[in-house]
Amino acid sequence: MIIEFSNGKIVLTAFEVQVRLNSQCHLYAMVEDIKFHQDALMMIADAGAVRWNLKLDNEQQLLQIKTELGVS
């Protein structure tokens, strides 16, 4: 599934999340390394030594990602 947001695209598969930031930078994380901060509309990847976070545009995007990844 591909979700477009103001800074690029989020590509979701069963095992991986890819964030393509305006075709300039790509971020990758395994699904099990993704967490969410609902109130701040943040998707957070934390794999120990590598960490990044992404501010989403709206709650609908956050819910769509969580549904696609099977995260409650």
N, C-alpha and C. Protein backbone atom coordinates (compact mmCIF):
# COMPACT_ATOMS: atom_id res chain seq x y z
N MET A 1 0.85 -1.17 0.00
CA MET A 1 0.00 0.00 0.00
C MET A 1 0.90 1.24 0.00
N ILE A 2 0.48 2.27 -0.72
CA ILE A 2 1.21 3.54 -0.75
C ILE A 2 0.31 4.63 -0.21
N ILE A 3 0.82 5.39 0.75
CA ILE A 3 0.10 6.52 1.32
C ILE A 3 0.91 7.78 1.02
N GLU A 4 0.29 8.73 0.37
CA GLU A 4 0.96 9.99 0.07
C GLU A 4 0.71 10.96 1.22
N PHE A 5 1.74 11.72 1.57
CA PHE A 5 1.61 12.76 2.57
C PHE A 5 2.40 13.97 2.10
N SER A 6 2.36 15.05 2.84
CA SER A 6 2.90 16.32 2.36
C SER A 6 4.38 16.30 2.02
N ASN A 7 5.15 15.39 2.61
CA ASN A 7 6.59 15.35 2.36
C ASN A 7 7.04 14.17 1.51
N GLY A 8 6.10 13.41 0.95
CA GLY A 8 6.49 12.29 0.11
C GLY A 8 5.48 11.16 0.16
N LYS A 9 6.02 9.92 0.22
CA LYS A 9 5.18 8.73 0.21
C LYS A 9 5.63 7.75 1.28
N ILE A 10 4.66 7.01 1.80
CA ILE A 10 4.93 5.92 2.74
C ILE A 10 4.51 4.64 2.04
N VAL A 11 5.44 3.71 1.91
CA VAL A 11 5.17 2.44 1.25
C VAL A 11 5.16 1.35 2.34
N LEU A 12 4.04 0.65 2.42
CA LEU A 12 3.86 -0.37 3.46
C LEU A 12 3.80 -1.76 2.83
N THR A 13 4.56 -2.68 3.38
CA THR A 13 4.45 -4.09 3.00
C THR A 13 4.21 -4.87 4.28
N ALA A 14 4.07 -6.16 4.16
CA ALA A 14 3.83 -6.99 5.34
C ALA A 14 5.00 -6.99 6.31
N PHE A 15 6.21 -6.70 5.82
CA PHE A 15 7.40 -6.81 6.65
C PHE A 15 8.18 -5.51 6.82
N GLU A 16 7.92 -4.52 5.96
CA GLU A 16 8.77 -3.33 5.93
C GLU A 16 7.97 -2.07 5.69
N VAL A 17 8.47 -0.97 6.26
CA VAL A 17 7.93 0.36 6.01
C VAL A 17 9.03 1.17 5.32
N GLN A 18 8.69 1.79 4.20
CA GLN A 18 9.61 2.67 3.51
C GLN A 18 8.99 4.07 3.50
N VAL A 19 9.80 5.06 3.78
CA VAL A 19 9.36 6.45 3.69
C VAL A 19 10.23 7.11 2.63
N ARG A 20 9.60 7.64 1.61
CA ARG A 20 10.31 8.31 0.52
C ARG A 20 10.03 9.80 0.64
N LEU A 21 11.01 10.53 1.10
CA LEU A 21 10.86 11.95 1.35
C LEU A 21 11.19 12.76 0.09
N ASN A 22 10.17 13.16 -0.64
CA ASN A 22 10.31 13.98 -1.85
C ASN A 22 11.43 13.49 -2.76
N SER A 23 11.55 12.18 -2.90
CA SER A 23 12.53 11.53 -3.77
C SER A 23 13.99 11.86 -3.44
N GLN A 24 14.23 12.47 -2.31
CA GLN A 24 15.59 12.84 -1.93
C GLN A 24 16.19 11.89 -0.89
N CYS A 25 15.35 11.33 -0.06
CA CYS A 25 15.83 10.51 1.05
C CYS A 25 14.84 9.37 1.27
N HIS A 26 15.36 8.17 1.48
CA HIS A 26 14.51 7.02 1.76
C HIS A 26 14.86 6.48 3.14
N LEU A 27 13.83 6.24 3.96
CA LEU A 27 14.00 5.66 5.27
C LEU A 27 13.35 4.28 5.26
N TYR A 28 14.00 3.30 5.88
CA TYR A 28 13.48 1.95 5.92
C TYR A 28 13.44 1.47 7.37
N ALA A 29 12.42 0.64 7.67
CA ALA A 29 12.35 0.00 8.98
C ALA A 29 11.51 -1.26 8.87
N MET A 30 11.85 -2.22 9.67
CA MET A 30 11.04 -3.43 9.74
C MET A 30 9.78 -3.10 10.54
N VAL A 31 8.69 -3.76 10.22
CA VAL A 31 7.40 -3.47 10.87
C VAL A 31 7.51 -3.60 12.38
N GLU A 32 8.24 -4.60 12.87
CA GLU A 32 8.32 -4.80 14.33
C GLU A 32 9.08 -3.67 15.04
N ASP A 33 9.78 -2.82 14.30
CA ASP A 33 10.51 -1.70 14.89
C ASP A 33 9.72 -0.39 14.86
N ILE A 34 8.47 -0.44 14.39
CA ILE A 34 7.64 0.76 14.27
C ILE A 34 6.71 0.88 15.47
N LYS A 35 6.64 2.10 16.00
CA LYS A 35 5.70 2.44 17.07
C LYS A 35 4.98 3.71 16.67
N PHE A 36 3.92 4.03 17.40
CA PHE A 36 3.12 5.21 17.07
C PHE A 36 2.86 6.04 18.31
N HIS A 37 2.83 7.34 18.12
CA HIS A 37 2.42 8.27 19.18
C HIS A 37 1.18 8.97 18.63
N GLN A 38 0.02 8.46 19.06
CA GLN A 38 -1.27 8.87 18.52
C GLN A 38 -1.51 10.37 18.64
N ASP A 39 -1.30 10.94 19.82
CA ASP A 39 -1.61 12.35 20.05
C ASP A 39 -0.76 13.29 19.20
N ALA A 40 0.47 12.91 18.94
CA ALA A 40 1.38 13.76 18.17
C ALA A 40 1.38 13.40 16.68
N LEU A 41 0.59 12.39 16.29
CA LEU A 41 0.54 11.91 14.90
C LEU A 41 1.92 11.52 14.39
N MET A 42 2.66 10.80 15.23
CA MET A 42 4.02 10.41 14.90
C MET A 42 4.12 8.90 14.66
N MET A 43 4.88 8.55 13.62
CA MET A 43 5.29 7.17 13.40
C MET A 43 6.78 7.15 13.74
N ILE A 44 7.17 6.22 14.61
CA ILE A 44 8.54 6.20 15.13
C ILE A 44 9.17 4.84 14.83
N ALA A 45 10.35 4.89 14.23
CA ALA A 45 11.12 3.67 13.99
C ALA A 45 12.27 3.67 14.98
N ASP A 46 12.39 2.59 15.74
CA ASP A 46 13.45 2.48 16.73
C ASP A 46 14.04 1.07 16.67
N ALA A 47 15.21 0.98 16.05
CA ALA A 47 15.88 -0.31 15.91
C ALA A 47 17.19 -0.31 16.68
N GLY A 48 17.18 0.31 17.84
CA GLY A 48 18.38 0.36 18.66
C GLY A 48 19.27 1.53 18.28
N ALA A 49 20.29 1.26 17.50
CA ALA A 49 21.24 2.31 17.12
C ALA A 49 20.69 3.24 16.04
N VAL A 50 19.65 2.81 15.34
CA VAL A 50 19.05 3.63 14.29
C VAL A 50 17.65 4.03 14.73
N ARG A 51 17.38 5.33 14.66
CA ARG A 51 16.07 5.82 15.09
C ARG A 51 15.67 6.98 14.18
N TRP A 52 14.39 6.99 13.78
CA TRP A 52 13.84 8.13 13.06
C TRP A 52 12.36 8.24 13.39
N ASN A 53 11.81 9.43 13.19
CA ASN A 53 10.38 9.62 13.40
C ASN A 53 9.83 10.49 12.29
N LEU A 54 8.53 10.36 12.08
CA LEU A 54 7.86 11.03 10.98
C LEU A 54 6.56 11.62 11.47
N LYS A 55 6.37 12.91 11.27
CA LYS A 55 5.12 13.59 11.62
C LYS A 55 4.17 13.43 10.44
N LEU A 56 3.03 12.82 10.70
CA LEU A 56 2.03 12.62 9.66
C LEU A 56 1.13 13.85 9.55
N ASP A 57 0.42 13.94 8.43
CA ASP A 57 -0.44 15.10 8.18
C ASP A 57 -1.72 15.09 9.00
N ASN A 58 -2.28 13.88 9.21
CA ASN A 58 -3.58 13.82 9.91
C ASN A 58 -3.77 12.44 10.54
N GLU A 59 -4.78 12.35 11.37
CA GLU A 59 -5.05 11.11 12.10
C GLU A 59 -5.48 9.98 11.16
N GLN A 60 -6.13 10.31 10.06
CA GLN A 60 -6.56 9.30 9.10
C GLN A 60 -5.35 8.53 8.55
N GLN A 61 -4.27 9.23 8.25
CA GLN A 61 -3.06 8.56 7.78
C GLN A 61 -2.51 7.61 8.83
N LEU A 62 -2.47 8.06 10.07
CA LEU A 62 -1.97 7.23 11.16
C LEU A 62 -2.81 5.97 11.31
N LEU A 63 -4.12 6.11 11.29
CA LEU A 63 -5.01 4.96 11.43
C LEU A 63 -4.90 4.02 10.24
N GLN A 64 -4.73 4.57 9.06
CA GLN A 64 -4.58 3.76 7.85
C GLN A 64 -3.30 2.92 7.92
N ILE A 65 -2.22 3.52 8.38
CA ILE A 65 -0.95 2.80 8.52
C ILE A 65 -1.07 1.71 9.57
N LYS A 66 -1.65 2.05 10.72
CA LYS A 66 -1.80 1.06 11.79
C LYS A 66 -2.66 -0.11 11.34
N THR A 67 -3.72 0.17 10.60
CA THR A 67 -4.59 -0.89 10.10
C THR A 67 -3.85 -1.78 9.12
N GLU A 68 -3.13 -1.18 8.18
CA GLU A 68 -2.39 -1.94 7.19
C GLU A 68 -1.31 -2.83 7.81
N LEU A 69 -0.67 -2.33 8.85
CA LEU A 69 0.39 -3.09 9.51
C LEU A 69 -0.15 -4.06 10.57
N GLY A 70 -1.44 -3.98 10.88
CA GLY A 70 -2.02 -4.87 11.87
C GLY A 70 -1.63 -4.51 13.29
N VAL A 71 -1.42 -3.21 13.53
CA VAL A 71 -1.02 -2.72 14.84
C VAL A 71 -2.23 -2.08 15.51
N SER A 72 -2.43 -2.38 16.80
CA SER A 72 -3.56 -1.74 17.49
C SER A 72 -3.11 -0.62 18.37
